[in-house]
Amino acid sequence: MDQSLPPGLYIVATPIGNLGDITSRAAQTLRGVDYILAEDKRVTAKLLAHVGAKAPMTAYHDHSDDNLREKILADLATKAVALVSDAGTPLISDPGYKLVRAARQAGHAIYTLPGPSAAIAALTLAGLPTDRFLFLGFLPPKSTARREALKEIANVRATLVLYESGPRLGACLADLHGVLGDRDAAVVREITKLHEETVSGALTELAERYAEAPPKGEIVIVVGPPPEPAEVSDEQLDKTLRELLQQLSPSRAAAEAATRLGVPRKRAYARALDLAGKA
């Protein structure tokens, strides 16, 4: 070990591709802890070999049971324990928050060693607004559930960042377009690796590009915020609501109209009740 570290939990960000992105502090910490909690020990072993760390590893992931977490919590009183994910910053679309929460409740020291994150790196490459962004992680794999999840945030005035797999990329882009409209977007792939690629364009263009040609590697989708809403007249709102009320209840028609037109749901619901009462 490089040096004796105070006992506690060390949250260590690791490279998302290029091993040269490991920070000197992270490398020193991995060499100095008593043991390392790794999502996949085979993946982490390559990084440990790169930095010359010989600390033993324990597998810690979504399926780890409470008994293991209790053992780790007991160790934190006297040992320095590092938490790493396969790539990037732990807890960002990775397991670990339950351990951090329990460690904090138990009064153990917690240290974070910031570093690479695919979501932040993709934002810097996409060329889309970065003053406000919403990280969505992985959306549901099924189209119906994915569209419902997107409807919940369709009017959020922020750039959206999400992870996706190659085989689902085309379908996900099509659903993004179907729910959000034809916004500017970027598909960022294999960040910091040999075949790093950023493809920008409208969601329709990207959906068509990847419909029959799913790419390989780690993928981040970045979608620009919605355009500034135009003022919606009562006539426009009534027309949309009349169409929807032919098939939906007033509450559901109002919710759908609010999403489509970008108007407050309260306004849409009041108009829907009025129109339904006159029908």
Protein backbone atom coordinates (compact mmCIF):
# COMPACT_ATOMS: atom_id res chain seq x y z
CA MET A 1 0.00 0.00 0.00
CA ASP A 2 1.12 3.57 -0.77
CA GLN A 3 0.21 4.93 2.65
CA SER A 4 -2.17 4.33 5.51
CA LEU A 5 -5.60 5.78 4.77
CA PRO A 6 -8.14 6.77 7.45
CA PRO A 7 -10.96 4.25 7.77
CA GLY A 8 -14.11 4.95 5.80
CA LEU A 9 -15.75 4.55 2.42
CA TYR A 10 -13.93 5.93 -0.63
CA ILE A 11 -16.13 6.51 -3.69
CA VAL A 12 -13.63 6.33 -6.56
CA ALA A 13 -14.45 7.41 -10.11
CA THR A 14 -12.67 5.31 -12.73
CA PRO A 15 -12.01 5.80 -16.48
CA ILE A 16 -14.91 5.27 -18.90
CA GLY A 17 -12.55 3.97 -21.57
CA ASN A 18 -9.03 5.35 -21.68
CA LEU A 19 -7.15 4.10 -18.61
CA GLY A 20 -4.98 7.21 -18.81
CA ASP A 21 -7.90 9.21 -17.41
CA ILE A 22 -7.45 7.80 -13.91
CA THR A 23 -6.50 10.61 -11.54
CA SER A 24 -3.33 10.35 -9.48
CA ARG A 25 -5.40 10.63 -6.29
CA ALA A 26 -7.70 7.79 -7.40
CA ALA A 27 -4.74 5.57 -8.28
CA GLN A 28 -3.06 6.31 -4.95
CA THR A 29 -6.28 5.54 -3.08
CA LEU A 30 -6.80 2.22 -4.87
CA ARG A 31 -3.26 1.26 -3.87
CA GLY A 32 -3.87 2.31 -0.28
CA VAL A 33 -7.26 0.86 0.70
CA ASP A 34 -7.74 -2.40 2.57
CA TYR A 35 -10.09 -3.77 -0.06
CA ILE A 36 -12.18 -2.71 -3.06
CA LEU A 37 -15.88 -3.16 -3.77
CA ALA A 38 -16.18 -3.82 -7.51
CA GLU A 39 -19.23 -4.20 -9.72
CA ASP A 40 -17.37 -6.73 -11.89
CA LYS A 41 -14.03 -7.93 -10.54
CA ARG A 42 -12.82 -8.97 -13.99
CA VAL A 43 -13.24 -5.44 -15.33
CA THR A 44 -11.71 -3.76 -12.28
CA ALA A 45 -8.74 -6.16 -12.30
CA LYS A 46 -7.49 -4.54 -15.53
CA LEU A 47 -7.54 -1.10 -13.92
CA LEU A 48 -5.81 -2.33 -10.77
CA ALA A 49 -3.06 -3.88 -12.86
CA HIS A 50 -2.66 -0.55 -14.70
CA VAL A 51 -2.17 1.45 -11.48
CA GLY A 52 -0.27 -1.26 -9.61
CA ALA A 53 -2.90 -1.81 -6.92
CA LYS A 54 -2.91 -5.16 -5.16
CA ALA A 55 -5.85 -4.71 -2.75
CA PRO A 56 -8.29 -7.64 -2.67
CA MET A 57 -11.69 -7.21 -4.31
CA THR A 58 -15.21 -8.06 -3.17
CA ALA A 59 -18.09 -8.16 -5.67
CA TYR A 60 -20.74 -5.54 -4.86
CA HIS A 61 -23.65 -4.96 -7.24
CA ASP A 62 -27.45 -4.72 -7.53
CA HIS A 63 -27.90 -8.32 -6.42
CA SER A 64 -25.70 -8.14 -3.31
CA ASP A 65 -27.63 -9.07 -0.18
CA ASP A 66 -28.10 -7.18 3.06
CA ASN A 67 -25.68 -9.45 4.92
CA LEU A 68 -22.80 -8.29 2.73
CA ARG A 69 -23.74 -4.65 3.24
CA GLU A 70 -23.81 -5.17 7.02
CA LYS A 71 -20.33 -6.73 6.91
CA ILE A 72 -19.00 -3.79 4.89
CA LEU A 73 -20.55 -1.33 7.34
CA ALA A 74 -18.84 -3.11 10.23
CA ASP A 75 -15.49 -2.96 8.39
CA LEU A 76 -15.75 0.78 7.78
CA ALA A 77 -15.08 1.47 11.45
CA THR A 78 -11.49 0.22 11.13
CA LYS A 79 -10.77 -0.22 7.41
CA ALA A 80 -10.47 1.92 4.30
CA VAL A 81 -12.81 0.51 1.64
CA ALA A 82 -13.05 1.75 -1.96
CA LEU A 83 -16.25 1.58 -4.03
CA VAL A 84 -15.84 1.51 -7.83
CA SER A 85 -18.13 0.78 -10.77
CA ASP A 86 -17.15 -0.85 -14.05
CA ALA A 87 -16.56 2.59 -15.55
CA GLY A 88 -17.14 6.19 -14.55
CA THR A 89 -18.50 7.60 -11.30
CA PRO A 90 -20.08 5.12 -8.88
CA LEU A 91 -23.81 5.54 -8.11
CA ILE A 92 -24.52 7.25 -11.47
CA SER A 93 -26.75 4.57 -13.07
CA ASP A 94 -24.82 2.10 -10.92
CA PRO A 95 -25.48 0.37 -7.59
CA GLY A 96 -24.17 1.82 -4.37
CA TYR A 97 -26.49 4.49 -2.99
CA LYS A 98 -27.90 2.14 -0.33
CA LEU A 99 -24.40 1.51 0.98
CA VAL A 100 -23.55 5.23 1.03
CA ARG A 101 -26.84 6.03 2.80
CA ALA A 102 -26.31 3.31 5.39
CA ALA A 103 -22.67 4.35 5.94
CA ARG A 104 -23.74 7.95 6.49
CA GLN A 105 -26.50 6.93 8.90
CA ALA A 106 -23.98 4.83 10.83
CA GLY A 107 -21.65 7.82 11.15
CA HIS A 108 -18.78 6.46 9.06
CA ALA A 109 -16.47 8.76 7.11
CA ILE A 110 -17.25 8.99 3.39
CA TYR A 111 -14.87 10.43 0.79
CA THR A 112 -15.54 11.04 -2.90
CA LEU A 113 -12.82 11.09 -5.54
CA PRO A 114 -14.44 12.79 -8.56
CA GLY A 115 -13.53 11.88 -12.08
CA PRO A 116 -14.98 10.65 -15.40
CA SER A 117 -18.71 10.42 -16.07
CA ALA A 118 -20.11 9.42 -19.47
CA ALA A 119 -23.14 11.70 -19.02
CA ILE A 120 -21.03 14.82 -18.40
CA ALA A 121 -18.52 13.92 -21.11
CA ALA A 122 -21.33 13.48 -23.66
CA LEU A 123 -22.75 16.89 -22.75
CA THR A 124 -19.41 18.49 -23.57
CA LEU A 125 -19.34 16.79 -26.98
CA ALA A 126 -22.95 17.26 -28.10
CA GLY A 127 -22.94 21.00 -28.73
CA LEU A 128 -26.34 21.44 -27.03
CA PRO A 129 -27.27 23.75 -24.14
CA THR A 130 -25.61 22.77 -20.87
CA ASP A 131 -26.95 25.40 -18.47
CA ARG A 132 -29.76 23.04 -17.41
CA PHE A 133 -29.85 19.29 -18.00
CA LEU A 134 -31.81 16.29 -16.77
CA PHE A 135 -30.14 12.89 -16.49
CA LEU A 136 -32.56 10.04 -17.20
CA GLY A 137 -30.24 7.03 -16.91
CA PHE A 138 -31.66 4.08 -18.87
CA LEU A 139 -35.28 4.43 -20.00
CA PRO A 140 -37.58 1.35 -19.89
CA PRO A 141 -36.69 -1.18 -22.63
CA LYS A 142 -40.30 -1.58 -23.88
CA SER A 143 -41.67 1.12 -26.18
CA THR A 144 -44.98 1.65 -24.34
CA ALA A 145 -43.32 2.15 -20.96
CA ARG A 146 -40.58 4.24 -22.54
CA ARG A 147 -43.11 6.60 -24.13
CA GLU A 148 -44.98 6.97 -20.86
CA ALA A 149 -41.74 7.87 -19.08
CA LEU A 150 -40.95 10.45 -21.75
CA LYS A 151 -44.40 12.03 -21.50
CA GLU A 152 -43.69 12.79 -17.85
CA ILE A 153 -40.72 15.01 -18.75
CA ALA A 154 -41.73 16.19 -22.24
CA ASN A 155 -42.17 19.80 -21.13
CA VAL A 156 -39.07 20.04 -18.94
CA ARG A 157 -37.04 22.96 -20.24
CA ALA A 158 -33.65 21.30 -20.09
CA THR A 159 -31.31 19.22 -22.21
CA LEU A 160 -31.93 15.50 -21.68
CA VAL A 161 -29.14 12.97 -21.20
CA LEU A 162 -29.75 9.22 -21.24
CA TYR A 163 -27.95 5.94 -21.71
CA GLU A 164 -28.97 3.32 -24.26
CA SER A 165 -27.72 0.06 -25.75
CA GLY A 166 -26.89 -0.39 -29.43
CA PRO A 167 -29.70 -2.86 -30.26
CA ARG A 168 -32.36 -0.54 -28.76
CA LEU A 169 -30.94 2.75 -30.06
CA GLY A 170 -33.08 3.09 -33.20
CA ALA A 171 -36.34 2.33 -31.40
CA CYS A 172 -35.46 4.66 -28.54
CA LEU A 173 -34.69 7.53 -30.94
CA ALA A 174 -38.01 6.91 -32.72
CA ASP A 175 -39.88 7.11 -29.40
CA LEU A 176 -37.97 10.26 -28.44
CA HIS A 177 -39.11 11.85 -31.70
CA GLY A 178 -42.67 10.56 -31.30
CA VAL A 179 -43.09 12.07 -27.84
CA LEU A 180 -40.77 15.08 -27.83
CA GLY A 181 -40.98 16.21 -31.44
CA ASP A 182 -38.09 16.75 -33.83
CA ARG A 183 -35.54 18.26 -31.46
CA ASP A 184 -31.82 18.64 -32.05
CA ALA A 185 -29.91 15.72 -30.58
CA ALA A 186 -26.63 13.83 -30.59
CA VAL A 187 -25.62 10.20 -30.27
CA VAL A 188 -22.26 9.94 -28.50
CA ARG A 189 -20.54 6.59 -28.57
CA GLU A 190 -17.40 4.97 -27.11
CA ILE A 191 -16.24 8.12 -25.31
CA THR A 192 -12.43 8.28 -24.84
CA LYS A 193 -11.98 5.00 -26.71
CA LEU A 194 -10.41 4.31 -30.09
CA HIS A 195 -13.69 4.52 -32.02
CA GLU A 196 -15.19 7.53 -30.23
CA GLU A 197 -17.95 9.08 -32.33
CA THR A 198 -20.45 11.91 -32.02
CA VAL A 199 -23.27 12.11 -34.57
CA SER A 200 -25.51 15.20 -34.39
CA GLY A 201 -28.81 15.93 -36.11
CA ALA A 202 -32.55 16.09 -35.68
CA LEU A 203 -34.18 13.14 -33.91
CA THR A 204 -35.84 12.04 -37.17
CA GLU A 205 -32.47 11.90 -38.93
CA LEU A 206 -30.82 9.98 -36.11
CA ALA A 207 -33.72 7.53 -35.79
CA GLU A 208 -33.51 6.79 -39.51
CA ARG A 209 -29.72 6.44 -39.42
CA TYR A 210 -29.75 3.84 -36.66
CA ALA A 211 -33.03 2.05 -37.46
CA GLU A 212 -31.35 -0.79 -39.34
CA ALA A 213 -27.73 -0.25 -38.29
CA PRO A 214 -27.38 -0.56 -34.52
CA PRO A 215 -23.90 0.54 -33.41
CA LYS A 216 -21.69 -1.19 -30.89
CA GLY A 217 -20.27 0.15 -27.67
CA GLU A 218 -21.36 2.40 -24.82
CA ILE A 219 -23.91 5.00 -25.99
CA VAL A 220 -25.18 8.29 -24.59
CA ILE A 221 -28.09 10.17 -26.20
CA VAL A 222 -28.27 13.92 -25.68
CA VAL A 223 -31.51 15.73 -26.65
CA GLY A 224 -31.88 19.48 -26.75
CA PRO A 225 -34.56 21.31 -24.74
CA PRO A 226 -37.99 22.04 -26.21
CA PRO A 227 -38.39 25.21 -28.27
CA GLU A 228 -39.83 28.29 -26.63
CA PRO A 229 -43.60 27.70 -26.49
CA ALA A 230 -45.80 29.81 -28.73
CA GLU A 231 -48.88 31.33 -27.15
CA VAL A 232 -51.72 28.81 -27.50
CA SER A 233 -55.11 30.42 -28.14
CA ASP A 234 -58.35 29.20 -26.62
CA GLU A 235 -59.44 28.19 -30.13
CA GLN A 236 -56.37 25.96 -30.60
CA LEU A 237 -56.83 24.39 -27.19
CA ASP A 238 -60.56 23.78 -27.76
CA LYS A 239 -59.94 22.19 -31.15
CA THR A 240 -57.40 19.75 -29.68
CA LEU A 241 -59.61 18.95 -26.71
CA ARG A 242 -62.69 18.28 -28.86
CA GLU A 243 -60.72 15.71 -30.86
CA LEU A 244 -59.39 14.03 -27.73
CA LEU A 245 -62.72 14.05 -25.89
CA GLN A 246 -64.16 11.80 -28.57
CA GLN A 247 -62.10 8.96 -27.11
CA LEU A 248 -60.82 10.08 -23.70
CA SER A 249 -62.21 11.26 -20.38
CA PRO A 250 -61.86 15.00 -19.59
CA SER A 251 -58.91 14.41 -17.25
CA ARG A 252 -56.99 12.25 -19.72
CA ALA A 253 -57.86 14.53 -22.64
CA ALA A 254 -56.58 17.50 -20.64
CA ALA A 255 -53.34 15.72 -19.78
CA GLU A 256 -52.73 14.79 -23.42
CA ALA A 257 -53.58 18.29 -24.66
CA ALA A 258 -51.28 19.86 -22.08
CA THR A 259 -48.40 17.65 -23.26
CA ARG A 260 -49.06 18.30 -26.95
CA LEU A 261 -49.49 22.06 -26.70
CA GLY A 262 -47.29 22.88 -23.75
CA VAL A 263 -50.07 24.56 -21.78
CA PRO A 264 -50.69 24.25 -18.03
CA ARG A 265 -52.70 21.14 -17.21
CA LYS A 266 -55.00 23.17 -14.96
CA ARG A 267 -56.01 25.37 -17.91
CA ALA A 268 -56.55 22.37 -20.18
CA TYR A 269 -58.62 20.54 -17.54
CA ALA A 270 -60.90 23.54 -16.95
CA ARG A 271 -61.57 23.84 -20.68
CA ALA A 272 -62.09 20.07 -21.01
CA LEU A 273 -64.73 20.08 -18.28
CA ASP A 274 -66.48 23.02 -19.89
CA LEU A 275 -66.50 21.37 -23.33
CA ALA A 276 -67.61 18.01 -21.93
CA GLY A 277 -70.49 19.68 -20.12
CA LYS A 278 -71.69 21.31 -23.34
CA ALA A 279 -71.47 18.09 -25.37
